[in-house]
Amino acid sequence: MLDKERVEELLGDVTDHKKRLLTCVLAMDISKADGDISDSEMALLRFMMQRWNISLDDLHHTFTR
């Protein structure tokens, strides 16, 4: 299992804002592939979005054009 420091390190490697948005969308899509987003998946998604200052509105606006 990944610890918080390792997750921070992995997320820190993604520096481009557009790639951060795409990473969040892909993570969300993968998380709900089985029809349910688990608590741990949701925690990771929230962590990513908070760290990168990305909102659901940002994702919606970027990927629904």
PDB file of N, CA and C in Angstrom:
ATOM      1  N   MET A   1       0.838  -1.184   0.000  1.00  0.00           N
ATOM      2  CA  MET A   1       0.000   0.000   0.000  1.00  0.00           C
ATOM      3  C   MET A   1       0.887   1.253   0.000  1.00  0.00           C
ATOM      4  N   LEU A   2       0.477   2.256  -0.728  1.00  0.00           N
ATOM      5  CA  LEU A   2       1.244   3.493  -0.799  1.00  0.00           C
ATOM      6  C   LEU A   2       1.015   4.349   0.441  1.00  0.00           C
ATOM      7  N   ASP A   3       2.084   4.943   0.915  1.00  0.00           N
ATOM      8  CA  ASP A   3       1.920   5.867   2.030  1.00  0.00           C
ATOM      9  C   ASP A   3       1.784   7.293   1.493  1.00  0.00           C
ATOM     10  N   LYS A   4       1.407   8.201   2.373  1.00  0.00           N
ATOM     11  CA  LYS A   4       1.140   9.585   1.969  1.00  0.00           C
ATOM     12  C   LYS A   4       2.355  10.232   1.311  1.00  0.00           C
ATOM     13  N   GLU A   5       3.546   9.999   1.847  1.00  0.00           N
ATOM     14  CA  GLU A   5       4.758  10.596   1.277  1.00  0.00           C
ATOM     15  C   GLU A   5       4.985  10.116  -0.148  1.00  0.00           C
ATOM     16  N   ARG A   6       4.763   8.829  -0.394  1.00  0.00           N
ATOM     17  CA  ARG A   6       4.959   8.283  -1.752  1.00  0.00           C
ATOM     18  C   ARG A   6       3.916   8.852  -2.717  1.00  0.00           C
ATOM     19  N   VAL A   7       2.685   8.982  -2.241  1.00  0.00           N
ATOM     20  CA  VAL A   7       1.635   9.577  -3.074  1.00  0.00           C
ATOM     21  C   VAL A   7       1.999  11.017  -3.399  1.00  0.00           C
ATOM     22  N   GLU A   8       2.449  11.771  -2.392  1.00  0.00           N
ATOM     23  CA  GLU A   8       2.886  13.158  -2.613  1.00  0.00           C
ATOM     24  C   GLU A   8       3.979  13.218  -3.679  1.00  0.00           C
ATOM     25  N   GLU A   9       4.944  12.307  -3.589  1.00  0.00           N
ATOM     26  CA  GLU A   9       6.045  12.269  -4.544  1.00  0.00           C
ATOM     27  C   GLU A   9       5.527  11.981  -5.955  1.00  0.00           C
ATOM     28  N   LEU A  10       4.640  11.006  -6.080  1.00  0.00           N
ATOM     29  CA  LEU A  10       4.086  10.663  -7.397  1.00  0.00           C
ATOM     30  C   LEU A  10       3.283  11.821  -7.984  1.00  0.00           C
ATOM     31  N   LEU A  11       2.464  12.456  -7.157  1.00  0.00           N
ATOM     32  CA  LEU A  11       1.661  13.569  -7.645  1.00  0.00           C
ATOM     33  C   LEU A  11       2.535  14.776  -7.983  1.00  0.00           C
ATOM     34  N   GLY A  12       3.614  14.944  -7.254  1.00  0.00           N
ATOM     35  CA  GLY A  12       4.528  16.058  -7.512  1.00  0.00           C
ATOM     36  C   GLY A  12       5.212  15.959  -8.862  1.00  0.00           C
ATOM     37  N   ASP A  13       5.301  14.738  -9.386  1.00  0.00           N
ATOM     38  CA  ASP A  13       5.916  14.543 -10.704  1.00  0.00           C
ATOM     39  C   ASP A  13       5.047  15.068 -11.838  1.00  0.00           C
ATOM     40  N   VAL A  14       3.762  15.241 -11.580  1.00  0.00           N
ATOM     41  CA  VAL A  14       2.843  15.759 -12.604  1.00  0.00           C
ATOM     42  C   VAL A  14       2.758  17.268 -12.404  1.00  0.00           C
ATOM     43  N   THR A  15       3.408  18.015 -13.286  1.00  0.00           N
ATOM     44  CA  THR A  15       3.493  19.467 -13.106  1.00  0.00           C
ATOM     45  C   THR A  15       2.627  20.258 -14.085  1.00  0.00           C
ATOM     46  N   ASP A  16       2.256  19.681 -15.186  1.00  0.00           N
ATOM     47  CA  ASP A  16       1.447  20.371 -16.190  1.00  0.00           C
ATOM     48  C   ASP A  16      -0.025  20.354 -15.772  1.00  0.00           C
ATOM     49  N   HIS A  17      -0.664  21.516 -15.773  1.00  0.00           N
ATOM     50  CA  HIS A  17      -2.052  21.615 -15.307  1.00  0.00           C
ATOM     51  C   HIS A  17      -2.995  20.746 -16.143  1.00  0.00           C
ATOM     52  N   LYS A  18      -2.840  20.737 -17.434  1.00  0.00           N
ATOM     53  CA  LYS A  18      -3.719  19.920 -18.291  1.00  0.00           C
ATOM     54  C   LYS A  18      -3.544  18.434 -17.995  1.00  0.00           C
ATOM     55  N   LYS A  19      -2.330  18.008 -17.722  1.00  0.00           N
ATOM     56  CA  LYS A  19      -2.095  16.602 -17.383  1.00  0.00           C
ATOM     57  C   LYS A  19      -2.663  16.276 -16.008  1.00  0.00           C
ATOM     58  N   ARG A  20      -2.648  17.239 -15.116  1.00  0.00           N
ATOM     59  CA  ARG A  20      -3.262  17.034 -13.799  1.00  0.00           C
ATOM     60  C   ARG A  20      -4.771  16.843 -13.948  1.00  0.00           C
ATOM     61  N   LEU A  21      -5.395  17.678 -14.763  1.00  0.00           N
ATOM     62  CA  LEU A  21      -6.826  17.535 -15.022  1.00  0.00           C
ATOM     63  C   LEU A  21      -7.128  16.161 -15.619  1.00  0.00           C
ATOM     64  N   LEU A  22      -6.349  15.773 -16.610  1.00  0.00           N
ATOM     65  CA  LEU A  22      -6.546  14.481 -17.263  1.00  0.00           C
ATOM     66  C   LEU A  22      -6.330  13.333 -16.276  1.00  0.00           C
ATOM     67  N   THR A  23      -5.326  13.449 -15.435  1.00  0.00           N
ATOM     68  CA  THR A  23      -5.052  12.411 -14.432  1.00  0.00           C
ATOM     69  C   THR A  23      -6.246  12.247 -13.498  1.00  0.00           C
ATOM     70  N   CYS A  24      -6.833  13.342 -13.066  1.00  0.00           N
ATOM     71  CA  CYS A  24      -8.004  13.279 -12.198  1.00  0.00           C
ATOM     72  C   CYS A  24      -9.195  12.622 -12.897  1.00  0.00           C
ATOM     73  N   VAL A  25      -9.423  13.000 -14.133  1.00  0.00           N
ATOM     74  CA  VAL A  25     -10.538  12.411 -14.885  1.00  0.00           C
ATOM     75  C   VAL A  25     -10.327  10.920 -15.092  1.00  0.00           C
ATOM     76  N   LEU A  26      -9.123  10.535 -15.448  1.00  0.00           N
ATOM     77  CA  LEU A  26      -8.839   9.112 -15.647  1.00  0.00           C
ATOM     78  C   LEU A  26      -8.970   8.334 -14.340  1.00  0.00           C
ATOM     79  N   ALA A  27      -8.468   8.887 -13.256  1.00  0.00           N
ATOM     80  CA  ALA A  27      -8.578   8.219 -11.962  1.00  0.00           C
ATOM     81  C   ALA A  27     -10.045   8.056 -11.565  1.00  0.00           C
ATOM     82  N   MET A  28     -10.843   9.076 -11.823  1.00  0.00           N
ATOM     83  CA  MET A  28     -12.261   9.010 -11.509  1.00  0.00           C
ATOM     84  C   MET A  28     -12.952   7.941 -12.353  1.00  0.00           C
ATOM     85  N   ASP A  29     -12.631   7.907 -13.626  1.00  0.00           N
ATOM     86  CA  ASP A  29     -13.228   6.932 -14.535  1.00  0.00           C
ATOM     87  C   ASP A  29     -12.852   5.502 -14.140  1.00  0.00           C
ATOM     88  N   ILE A  30     -11.596   5.290 -13.817  1.00  0.00           N
ATOM     89  CA  ILE A  30     -11.136   3.963 -13.395  1.00  0.00           C
ATOM     90  C   ILE A  30     -11.808   3.578 -12.077  1.00  0.00           C
ATOM     91  N   SER A  31     -11.919   4.531 -11.162  1.00  0.00           N
ATOM     92  CA  SER A  31     -12.512   4.252  -9.849  1.00  0.00           C
ATOM     93  C   SER A  31     -13.963   3.807  -9.961  1.00  0.00           C
ATOM     94  N   LYS A  32     -14.699   4.360 -10.898  1.00  0.00           N
ATOM     95  CA  LYS A  32     -16.109   4.002 -11.008  1.00  0.00           C
ATOM     96  C   LYS A  32     -16.380   2.927 -12.055  1.00  0.00           C
ATOM     97  N   ALA A  33     -15.322   2.314 -12.577  1.00  0.00           N
ATOM     98  CA  ALA A  33     -15.475   1.278 -13.603  1.00  0.00           C
ATOM     99  C   ALA A  33     -16.276   0.077 -13.109  1.00  0.00           C
ATOM    100  N   ASP A  34     -16.196  -0.211 -11.809  1.00  0.00           N
ATOM    101  CA  ASP A  34     -16.933  -1.346 -11.258  1.00  0.00           C
ATOM    102  C   ASP A  34     -18.313  -0.939 -10.739  1.00  0.00           C
ATOM    103  N   GLY A  35     -18.701   0.297 -11.021  1.00  0.00           N
ATOM    104  CA  GLY A  35     -20.015   0.774 -10.621  1.00  0.00           C
ATOM    105  C   GLY A  35     -20.064   1.403  -9.245  1.00  0.00           C
ATOM    106  N   ASP A  36     -18.938   1.463  -8.563  1.00  0.00           N
ATOM    107  CA  ASP A  36     -18.912   2.016  -7.218  1.00  0.00           C
ATOM    108  C   ASP A  36     -17.534   2.613  -6.943  1.00  0.00           C
ATOM    109  N   ILE A  37     -17.516   3.755  -6.293  1.00  0.00           N
ATOM    110  CA  ILE A  37     -16.249   4.348  -5.883  1.00  0.00           C
ATOM    111  C   ILE A  37     -16.069   4.042  -4.391  1.00  0.00           C
ATOM    112  N   SER A  38     -15.027   3.277  -4.073  1.00  0.00           N
ATOM    113  CA  SER A  38     -14.777   2.889  -2.683  1.00  0.00           C
ATOM    114  C   SER A  38     -14.309   4.099  -1.874  1.00  0.00           C
ATOM    115  N   ASP A  39     -14.335   3.944  -0.565  1.00  0.00           N
ATOM    116  CA  ASP A  39     -13.878   5.030   0.314  1.00  0.00           C
ATOM    117  C   ASP A  39     -12.419   5.385   0.046  1.00  0.00           C
ATOM    118  N   SER A  40     -11.574   4.375  -0.175  1.00  0.00           N
ATOM    119  CA  SER A  40     -10.154   4.653  -0.413  1.00  0.00           C
ATOM    120  C   SER A  40      -9.946   5.318  -1.768  1.00  0.00           C
ATOM    121  N   GLU A  41     -10.717   4.905  -2.762  1.00  0.00           N
ATOM    122  CA  GLU A  41     -10.619   5.563  -4.073  1.00  0.00           C
ATOM    123  C   GLU A  41     -11.056   7.017  -3.977  1.00  0.00           C
ATOM    124  N   MET A  42     -12.137   7.258  -3.260  1.00  0.00           N
ATOM    125  CA  MET A  42     -12.634   8.627  -3.085  1.00  0.00           C
ATOM    126  C   MET A  42     -11.625   9.468  -2.316  1.00  0.00           C
ATOM    127  N   ALA A  43     -11.010   8.880  -1.303  1.00  0.00           N
ATOM    128  CA  ALA A  43     -10.004   9.619  -0.526  1.00  0.00           C
ATOM    129  C   ALA A  43      -8.832  10.030  -1.416  1.00  0.00           C
ATOM    130  N   LEU A  44      -8.393   9.131  -2.272  1.00  0.00           N
ATOM    131  CA  LEU A  44      -7.281   9.458  -3.170  1.00  0.00           C
ATOM    132  C   LEU A  44      -7.689  10.526  -4.173  1.00  0.00           C
ATOM    133  N   LEU A  45      -8.874  10.422  -4.736  1.00  0.00           N
ATOM    134  CA  LEU A  45      -9.355  11.441  -5.677  1.00  0.00           C
ATOM    135  C   LEU A  45      -9.424  12.813  -5.006  1.00  0.00           C
ATOM    136  N   ARG A  46      -9.991  12.847  -3.816  1.00  0.00           N
ATOM    137  CA  ARG A  46     -10.082  14.124  -3.095  1.00  0.00           C
ATOM    138  C   ARG A  46      -8.705  14.689  -2.778  1.00  0.00           C
ATOM    139  N   PHE A  47      -7.793  13.812  -2.381  1.00  0.00           N
ATOM    140  CA  PHE A  47      -6.430  14.230  -2.072  1.00  0.00           C
ATOM    141  C   PHE A  47      -5.768  14.845  -3.305  1.00  0.00           C
ATOM    142  N   MET A  48      -5.883  14.167  -4.453  1.00  0.00           N
ATOM    143  CA  MET A  48      -5.294  14.669  -5.694  1.00  0.00           C
ATOM    144  C   MET A  48      -5.871  16.033  -6.057  1.00  0.00           C
ATOM    145  N   MET A  49      -7.186  16.107  -6.024  1.00  0.00           N
ATOM    146  CA  MET A  49      -7.844  17.344  -6.433  1.00  0.00           C
ATOM    147  C   MET A  49      -7.517  18.489  -5.471  1.00  0.00           C
ATOM    148  N   GLN A  50      -7.461  18.201  -4.190  1.00  0.00           N
ATOM    149  CA  GLN A  50      -7.128  19.246  -3.218  1.00  0.00           C
ATOM    150  C   GLN A  50      -5.680  19.700  -3.400  1.00  0.00           C
ATOM    151  N   ARG A  51      -4.770  18.753  -3.556  1.00  0.00           N
ATOM    152  CA  ARG A  51      -3.354  19.096  -3.700  1.00  0.00           C
ATOM    153  C   ARG A  51      -3.111  19.960  -4.928  1.00  0.00           C
ATOM    154  N   TRP A  52      -3.833  19.643  -5.997  1.00  0.00           N
ATOM    155  CA  TRP A  52      -3.648  20.362  -7.251  1.00  0.00           C
ATOM    156  C   TRP A  52      -4.630  21.520  -7.422  1.00  0.00           C
ATOM    157  N   ASN A  53      -5.470  21.756  -6.417  1.00  0.00           N
ATOM    158  CA  ASN A  53      -6.460  22.830  -6.479  1.00  0.00           C
ATOM    159  C   ASN A  53      -7.371  22.692  -7.702  1.00  0.00           C
ATOM    160  N   ILE A  54      -7.927  21.501  -7.854  1.00  0.00           N
ATOM    161  CA  ILE A  54      -8.823  21.194  -8.967  1.00  0.00           C
ATOM    162  C   ILE A  54     -10.196  20.869  -8.387  1.00  0.00           C
ATOM    163  N   SER A  55     -11.222  21.468  -8.975  1.00  0.00           N
ATOM    164  CA  SER A  55     -12.589  21.217  -8.515  1.00  0.00           C
ATOM    165  C   SER A  55     -13.326  20.342  -9.532  1.00  0.00           C
ATOM    166  N   LEU A  56     -14.469  19.823  -9.116  1.00  0.00           N
ATOM    167  CA  LEU A  56     -15.308  19.080 -10.057  1.00  0.00           C
ATOM    168  C   LEU A  56     -15.756  19.981 -11.205  1.00  0.00           C
ATOM    169  N   ASP A  57     -15.995  21.241 -10.900  1.00  0.00           N
ATOM    170  CA  ASP A  57     -16.355  22.196 -11.953  1.00  0.00           C
ATOM    171  C   ASP A  57     -15.231  22.346 -12.970  1.00  0.00           C
ATOM    172  N   ASP A  58     -13.984  22.369 -12.491  1.00  0.00           N
ATOM    173  CA  ASP A  58     -12.840  22.450 -13.403  1.00  0.00           C
ATOM    174  C   ASP A  58     -12.845  21.256 -14.364  1.00  0.00           C
ATOM    175  N   LEU A  59     -13.070  20.072 -13.813  1.00  0.00           N
ATOM    176  CA  LEU A  59     -13.079  18.862 -14.640  1.00  0.00           C
ATOM    177  C   LEU A  59     -14.235  18.895 -15.626  1.00  0.00           C
ATOM    178  N   HIS A  60     -15.404  19.275 -15.140  1.00  0.00           N
ATOM    179  CA  HIS A  60     -16.584  19.348 -16.004  1.00  0.00           C
ATOM    180  C   HIS A  60     -16.360  20.354 -17.133  1.00  0.00           C
ATOM    181  N   HIS A  61     -15.870  21.518 -16.788  1.00  0.00           N
ATOM    182  CA  HIS A  61     -15.642  22.576 -17.781  1.00  0.00           C
ATOM    183  C   HIS A  61     -14.615  22.147 -18.840  1.00  0.00           C
ATOM    184  N   THR A  62     -13.565  21.485 -18.404  1.00  0.00           N
ATOM    185  CA  THR A  62     -12.488  21.098 -19.322  1.00  0.00           C
ATOM    186  C   THR A  62     -12.894  19.975 -20.261  1.00  0.00           C
ATOM    187  N   PHE A  63     -13.654  19.013 -19.777  1.00  0.00           N
ATOM    188  CA  PHE A  63     -13.902  17.801 -20.552  1.00  0.00           C
ATOM    189  C   PHE A  63     -15.307  17.695 -21.124  1.00  0.00           C
ATOM    190  N   THR A  64     -16.102  18.757 -21.074  1.00  0.00           N
ATOM    191  CA  THR A  64     -17.430  18.712 -21.681  1.00  0.00           C
ATOM    192  C   THR A  64     -17.572  19.706 -22.814  1.00  0.00           C
ATOM    193  N   ARG A  65     -16.479  20.237 -23.252  1.00  0.00           N
ATOM    194  CA  ARG A  65     -16.553  21.200 -24.374  1.00  0.00           C
ATOM    195  C   ARG A  65     -16.694  20.468 -25.676  1.00  0.00           C
TER     196      ARG A  65
END
